[in-house]
Amino acid sequence: MEARCGADREPAVAACPVTGSEWVADEGTVGSYRLRGAGAVRGDDGKVLTDAATLELGLAGDGVTSSHPVVEGIAIVDGWMVPQATIPLDWNQPPPVAGRVYAADGELLATCGG
C-alpha cells in the first residue's frame, strides 16, 4: 500500500497506509513480521478520516492485531508482530495487512486490506 499524507484524494486510495515487511519464515509460514507505515487513514470515498482515533491492524486471516493511535487523521505505525494463525508465506506475494479504523466512541469508520 502506498503511504501518502495530505489532502483528500479520489476513492480507491488505501484506507490504511501500512504494509507488512521484514518477513521471518517458520517452515513456509509467517513466523513474525513488521507492520510499518505512516500517513492519512481514509474512508471509502478517499477523504481523510479526521475523526479517527484508533487503527487496528494485523495480517488478513489472523486474530492478532495491534492498535495504533490516529491523530487528526494521521497514523504512524512501526512494530513487530507474531501471528497466531498459520499463514503461508509466499515471498513473491506476502500476505496482506487488514485493519479497521475506529472513532473515539468505538464506531467503525473504515476497513482496509484483506
Protein backbone atom coordinates (compact mmCIF):
# COMPACT_ATOMS: atom_id res chain seq x y z
CA MET A 1 0.00 0.00 0.00
CA GLU A 2 1.12 3.49 -0.72
CA ALA A 3 1.61 5.84 2.20
CA ARG A 4 0.83 9.45 1.35
CA CYS A 5 -0.07 12.27 3.66
CA GLY A 6 -2.05 15.30 2.69
CA ALA A 7 -5.30 16.38 1.19
CA ASP A 8 -8.31 14.25 0.31
CA ARG A 9 -7.90 12.14 -2.79
CA GLU A 10 -10.05 10.11 -5.10
CA PRO A 11 -11.78 6.89 -3.94
CA ALA A 12 -9.82 3.61 -4.19
CA VAL A 13 -6.95 5.09 -2.19
CA ALA A 14 -5.74 2.73 0.54
CA ALA A 15 -7.59 3.39 3.80
CA CYS A 16 -4.63 2.28 5.92
CA PRO A 17 -1.13 3.45 4.97
CA VAL A 18 0.59 0.38 6.45
CA THR A 19 2.26 -2.70 4.98
CA GLY A 20 3.92 -5.83 6.26
CA SER A 21 7.67 -6.17 5.77
CA GLU A 22 10.79 -7.87 7.09
CA TRP A 23 9.12 -11.27 6.99
CA VAL A 24 10.60 -14.09 9.07
CA ALA A 25 9.71 -17.54 7.82
CA ASP A 26 8.98 -20.54 10.00
CA GLU A 27 8.81 -23.69 7.86
CA GLY A 28 7.00 -21.95 4.99
CA THR A 29 4.69 -19.89 7.19
CA VAL A 30 4.94 -16.42 8.69
CA GLY A 31 6.92 -16.61 11.94
CA SER A 32 6.96 -12.84 12.51
CA TYR A 33 6.76 -9.65 10.50
CA ARG A 34 6.96 -5.90 10.86
CA LEU A 35 3.99 -3.56 10.45
CA ARG A 36 5.22 -0.24 9.19
CA GLY A 37 3.84 2.88 7.58
CA ALA A 38 2.66 6.42 8.11
CA GLY A 39 0.07 8.64 6.53
CA ALA A 40 -3.57 9.51 6.33
CA VAL A 41 -6.29 6.99 7.14
CA ARG A 42 -9.14 7.32 4.67
CA GLY A 43 -12.75 6.37 4.16
CA ASP A 44 -14.18 4.58 1.12
CA ASP A 45 -14.66 7.98 -0.53
CA GLY A 46 -10.93 8.79 -0.23
CA LYS A 47 -11.41 11.53 2.35
CA VAL A 48 -9.10 11.74 5.34
CA LEU A 49 -10.87 10.47 8.47
CA THR A 50 -10.05 13.35 10.83
CA ASP A 51 -12.43 11.90 13.44
CA ALA A 52 -10.50 8.59 13.55
CA ALA A 53 -8.85 7.71 16.87
CA THR A 54 -7.55 4.15 16.53
CA LEU A 55 -6.17 1.94 13.77
CA GLU A 56 -6.21 -1.84 14.46
CA LEU A 57 -4.01 -3.91 12.15
CA GLY A 58 -2.79 -7.45 11.55
CA LEU A 59 -2.47 -9.98 8.76
CA ALA A 60 -5.64 -10.94 6.92
CA GLY A 61 -6.93 -14.18 8.42
CA ASP A 62 -5.13 -13.78 11.75
CA GLY A 63 -6.69 -12.98 15.11
CA VAL A 64 -3.70 -10.99 16.34
CA THR A 65 -3.94 -7.25 15.83
CA SER A 66 -2.15 -4.23 17.20
CA SER A 67 -3.73 -0.87 17.99
CA HIS A 68 -2.22 2.44 16.97
CA PRO A 69 -3.38 5.99 17.67
CA VAL A 70 -4.65 8.22 14.89
CA VAL A 71 -4.17 11.96 15.38
CA GLU A 72 -6.01 14.40 13.11
CA GLY A 73 -6.40 11.63 10.52
CA ILE A 74 -2.73 10.57 10.52
CA ALA A 75 -1.35 7.25 11.79
CA ILE A 76 2.26 6.26 12.38
CA VAL A 77 2.84 2.54 12.78
CA ASP A 78 6.03 0.61 13.49
CA GLY A 79 6.00 -2.67 15.36
CA TRP A 80 6.84 -6.37 15.21
CA MET A 81 4.06 -8.95 15.16
CA VAL A 82 3.84 -12.71 15.64
CA PRO A 83 0.72 -14.22 14.06
CA GLN A 84 -1.48 -16.63 15.98
CA ALA A 85 -2.81 -18.38 12.87
CA THR A 86 -0.72 -20.45 10.48
CA ILE A 87 -0.32 -18.15 7.50
CA PRO A 88 1.57 -19.38 4.41
CA LEU A 89 4.44 -17.15 3.33
CA ASP A 90 4.91 -16.70 -0.40
CA TRP A 91 7.91 -14.42 -0.83
CA ASN A 92 6.54 -13.20 -4.19
CA GLN A 93 3.15 -12.29 -2.72
CA PRO A 94 3.38 -11.74 1.04
CA PRO A 95 0.12 -11.86 2.99
CA PRO A 96 -1.92 -8.64 3.01
CA VAL A 97 -2.39 -6.46 6.04
CA ALA A 98 -6.00 -5.95 7.11
CA GLY A 99 -7.35 -3.42 9.54
CA ARG A 100 -10.15 -1.35 10.96
CA VAL A 101 -10.34 2.37 11.69
CA TYR A 102 -12.37 3.43 14.73
CA ALA A 103 -13.64 6.74 16.09
CA ALA A 104 -13.05 7.64 19.76
CA ASP A 105 -16.54 6.32 20.64
CA GLY A 106 -15.75 2.91 19.10
CA GLU A 107 -17.71 3.46 15.88
CA LEU A 108 -16.20 1.59 12.92
CA LEU A 109 -15.29 4.21 10.31
CA ALA A 110 -13.49 2.15 7.66
CA THR A 111 -11.83 -1.17 6.90
CA CYS A 112 -8.73 -1.79 4.88
CA GLY A 113 -6.84 -4.59 3.20
CA GLY A 114 -7.55 -8.25 3.37
